[in-house]
Amino acid sequence: MVNESENLLTINEACAYLRIGRAAIYLLIKAGKLTPVRVEYRYRFLPQDLRDYLERGKVQKETTS
């Protein structure tokens, strides 16, 4: 369910949020790592999807005993 309080982000806004270039965004879409929302012929992104992508990419700190 889409949270109505969150606005959809454009490609450029998603790039700024993730601090990556446009080509990288398209590669992430092609690889299935980011799922955009199609609005007519343009891609848009839910901010929560971008946060989820970053969360999945976190490296877990190893615990030493």
N, C-alpha and C. Protein backbone atom coordinates (compact mmCIF):
# COMPACT_ATOMS: atom_id res chain seq x y z
N MET A 1 0.84 -1.18 0.00
CA MET A 1 0.00 0.00 0.00
C MET A 1 0.89 1.24 0.00
N VAL A 2 0.54 2.21 -0.81
CA VAL A 2 1.32 3.43 -0.92
C VAL A 2 0.94 4.39 0.20
N ASN A 3 1.95 4.90 0.89
CA ASN A 3 1.73 5.90 1.92
C ASN A 3 1.47 7.23 1.24
N GLU A 4 0.29 7.77 1.38
CA GLU A 4 -0.09 8.98 0.67
C GLU A 4 0.70 10.21 1.11
N SER A 5 1.35 10.14 2.27
CA SER A 5 2.12 11.30 2.73
C SER A 5 3.48 11.38 2.04
N GLU A 6 3.88 10.31 1.33
CA GLU A 6 5.15 10.31 0.62
C GLU A 6 4.92 10.58 -0.86
N ASN A 7 5.63 11.56 -1.38
CA ASN A 7 5.53 11.87 -2.80
C ASN A 7 6.44 10.96 -3.59
N LEU A 8 6.03 10.66 -4.81
CA LEU A 8 6.88 9.89 -5.70
C LEU A 8 8.07 10.74 -6.12
N LEU A 9 9.23 10.11 -6.23
CA LEU A 9 10.45 10.81 -6.62
C LEU A 9 10.76 10.55 -8.09
N THR A 10 11.30 11.53 -8.75
CA THR A 10 11.74 11.39 -10.14
C THR A 10 13.06 10.64 -10.18
N ILE A 11 13.50 10.31 -11.37
CA ILE A 11 14.81 9.67 -11.54
C ILE A 11 15.91 10.54 -10.93
N ASN A 12 15.89 11.83 -11.25
CA ASN A 12 16.92 12.73 -10.73
C ASN A 12 16.89 12.82 -9.21
N GLU A 13 15.70 12.86 -8.64
CA GLU A 13 15.59 12.91 -7.18
C GLU A 13 16.08 11.61 -6.54
N ALA A 14 15.77 10.48 -7.19
CA ALA A 14 16.25 9.18 -6.68
C ALA A 14 17.77 9.11 -6.77
N CYS A 15 18.33 9.64 -7.85
CA CYS A 15 19.79 9.68 -7.99
C CYS A 15 20.42 10.50 -6.87
N ALA A 16 19.82 11.64 -6.59
CA ALA A 16 20.34 12.50 -5.53
C ALA A 16 20.22 11.81 -4.17
N TYR A 17 19.11 11.14 -3.94
CA TYR A 17 18.88 10.44 -2.68
C TYR A 17 19.92 9.34 -2.47
N LEU A 18 20.17 8.56 -3.53
CA LEU A 18 21.12 7.44 -3.43
C LEU A 18 22.56 7.86 -3.71
N ARG A 19 22.72 9.09 -4.21
CA ARG A 19 24.04 9.62 -4.58
C ARG A 19 24.73 8.76 -5.63
N ILE A 20 23.95 8.44 -6.67
CA ILE A 20 24.47 7.69 -7.81
C ILE A 20 23.99 8.37 -9.09
N GLY A 21 24.54 7.98 -10.20
CA GLY A 21 24.18 8.56 -11.48
C GLY A 21 22.96 7.89 -12.11
N ARG A 22 22.47 8.52 -13.18
CA ARG A 22 21.28 8.01 -13.87
C ARG A 22 21.53 6.61 -14.44
N ALA A 23 22.71 6.39 -15.00
CA ALA A 23 23.00 5.07 -15.57
C ALA A 23 22.92 3.99 -14.50
N ALA A 24 23.39 4.30 -13.31
CA ALA A 24 23.35 3.32 -12.21
C ALA A 24 21.92 3.00 -11.82
N ILE A 25 21.05 4.00 -11.82
CA ILE A 25 19.62 3.77 -11.51
C ILE A 25 19.03 2.79 -12.51
N TYR A 26 19.29 3.04 -13.80
CA TYR A 26 18.75 2.15 -14.83
C TYR A 26 19.31 0.74 -14.71
N LEU A 27 20.57 0.60 -14.32
CA LEU A 27 21.15 -0.72 -14.10
C LEU A 27 20.48 -1.43 -12.93
N LEU A 28 20.19 -0.69 -11.87
CA LEU A 28 19.50 -1.28 -10.72
C LEU A 28 18.09 -1.74 -11.09
N ILE A 29 17.41 -0.96 -11.92
CA ILE A 29 16.07 -1.34 -12.38
C ILE A 29 16.17 -2.62 -13.22
N LYS A 30 17.10 -2.64 -14.16
CA LYS A 30 17.28 -3.79 -15.05
C LYS A 30 17.62 -5.05 -14.26
N ALA A 31 18.42 -4.89 -13.21
CA ALA A 31 18.82 -6.03 -12.37
C ALA A 31 17.72 -6.46 -11.40
N GLY A 32 16.64 -5.70 -11.32
CA GLY A 32 15.55 -6.03 -10.41
C GLY A 32 15.79 -5.64 -8.97
N LYS A 33 16.80 -4.81 -8.75
CA LYS A 33 17.12 -4.39 -7.39
C LYS A 33 16.30 -3.19 -6.95
N LEU A 34 15.81 -2.42 -7.90
CA LEU A 34 14.89 -1.30 -7.64
C LEU A 34 13.66 -1.48 -8.52
N THR A 35 12.51 -1.27 -7.94
CA THR A 35 11.26 -1.38 -8.70
C THR A 35 10.61 -0.02 -8.77
N PRO A 36 10.62 0.58 -9.96
CA PRO A 36 9.99 1.89 -10.09
C PRO A 36 8.48 1.76 -10.27
N VAL A 37 7.80 2.87 -10.08
CA VAL A 37 6.38 2.99 -10.38
C VAL A 37 6.31 3.66 -11.75
N ARG A 38 5.52 3.10 -12.65
CA ARG A 38 5.37 3.71 -13.97
C ARG A 38 4.22 4.71 -13.91
N VAL A 39 4.52 5.95 -14.27
CA VAL A 39 3.49 6.99 -14.40
C VAL A 39 3.57 7.43 -15.86
N GLU A 40 2.58 6.96 -16.62
CA GLU A 40 2.60 7.12 -18.08
C GLU A 40 3.88 6.48 -18.59
N TYR A 41 4.77 7.20 -19.18
CA TYR A 41 6.00 6.61 -19.74
C TYR A 41 7.22 6.96 -18.90
N ARG A 42 7.02 7.45 -17.70
CA ARG A 42 8.14 7.86 -16.84
C ARG A 42 8.22 7.00 -15.60
N TYR A 43 9.45 6.85 -15.11
CA TYR A 43 9.67 6.13 -13.86
C TYR A 43 9.58 7.09 -12.68
N ARG A 44 8.98 6.59 -11.61
CA ARG A 44 8.95 7.30 -10.34
C ARG A 44 9.29 6.29 -9.25
N PHE A 45 9.74 6.78 -8.12
CA PHE A 45 10.15 5.90 -7.03
C PHE A 45 9.49 6.31 -5.73
N LEU A 46 9.10 5.30 -4.97
CA LEU A 46 8.61 5.55 -3.62
C LEU A 46 9.82 5.71 -2.71
N PRO A 47 9.84 6.75 -1.88
CA PRO A 47 10.97 6.92 -0.97
C PRO A 47 11.23 5.68 -0.10
N GLN A 48 10.17 4.99 0.31
CA GLN A 48 10.35 3.79 1.14
C GLN A 48 11.10 2.70 0.37
N ASP A 49 10.85 2.59 -0.93
CA ASP A 49 11.58 1.60 -1.74
C ASP A 49 13.07 1.91 -1.78
N LEU A 50 13.41 3.19 -1.86
CA LEU A 50 14.82 3.58 -1.85
C LEU A 50 15.46 3.29 -0.49
N ARG A 51 14.72 3.57 0.58
CA ARG A 51 15.23 3.27 1.92
C ARG A 51 15.42 1.76 2.10
N ASP A 52 14.46 0.98 1.58
CA ASP A 52 14.57 -0.48 1.67
C ASP A 52 15.79 -0.99 0.90
N TYR A 53 16.04 -0.41 -0.26
CA TYR A 53 17.21 -0.80 -1.05
C TYR A 53 18.50 -0.54 -0.26
N LEU A 54 18.58 0.63 0.36
CA LEU A 54 19.76 0.95 1.16
C LEU A 54 19.89 0.00 2.35
N GLU A 55 18.78 -0.32 2.97
CA GLU A 55 18.80 -1.23 4.12
C GLU A 55 19.30 -2.61 3.72
N ARG A 56 18.86 -3.10 2.56
CA ARG A 56 19.31 -4.41 2.08
C ARG A 56 20.80 -4.41 1.79
N GLY A 57 21.35 -3.26 1.46
CA GLY A 57 22.76 -3.18 1.10
C GLY A 57 23.70 -3.02 2.27
N LYS A 58 23.14 -2.87 3.46
CA LYS A 58 24.01 -2.70 4.63
C LYS A 58 24.83 -3.95 4.89
N VAL A 59 26.08 -3.73 5.21
CA VAL A 59 26.98 -4.82 5.56
C VAL A 59 26.83 -5.08 7.06
N GLN A 60 26.60 -6.32 7.38
CA GLN A 60 26.43 -6.69 8.79
C GLN A 60 27.79 -6.76 9.46
N LYS A 61 27.89 -6.15 10.61
CA LYS A 61 29.13 -6.19 11.38
C LYS A 61 29.30 -7.59 11.98
N GLU A 62 30.47 -8.13 11.77
CA GLU A 62 30.76 -9.47 12.32
C GLU A 62 31.03 -9.35 13.80
N THR A 63 30.51 -10.30 14.54
CA THR A 63 30.78 -10.33 15.97
C THR A 63 31.89 -11.34 16.23
N THR A 64 32.81 -10.93 17.06
CA THR A 64 33.91 -11.83 17.42
C THR A 64 33.74 -12.27 18.85
N SER A 65 34.00 -13.52 19.09
CA SER A 65 33.84 -14.06 20.45
C SER A 65 35.18 -14.29 21.09
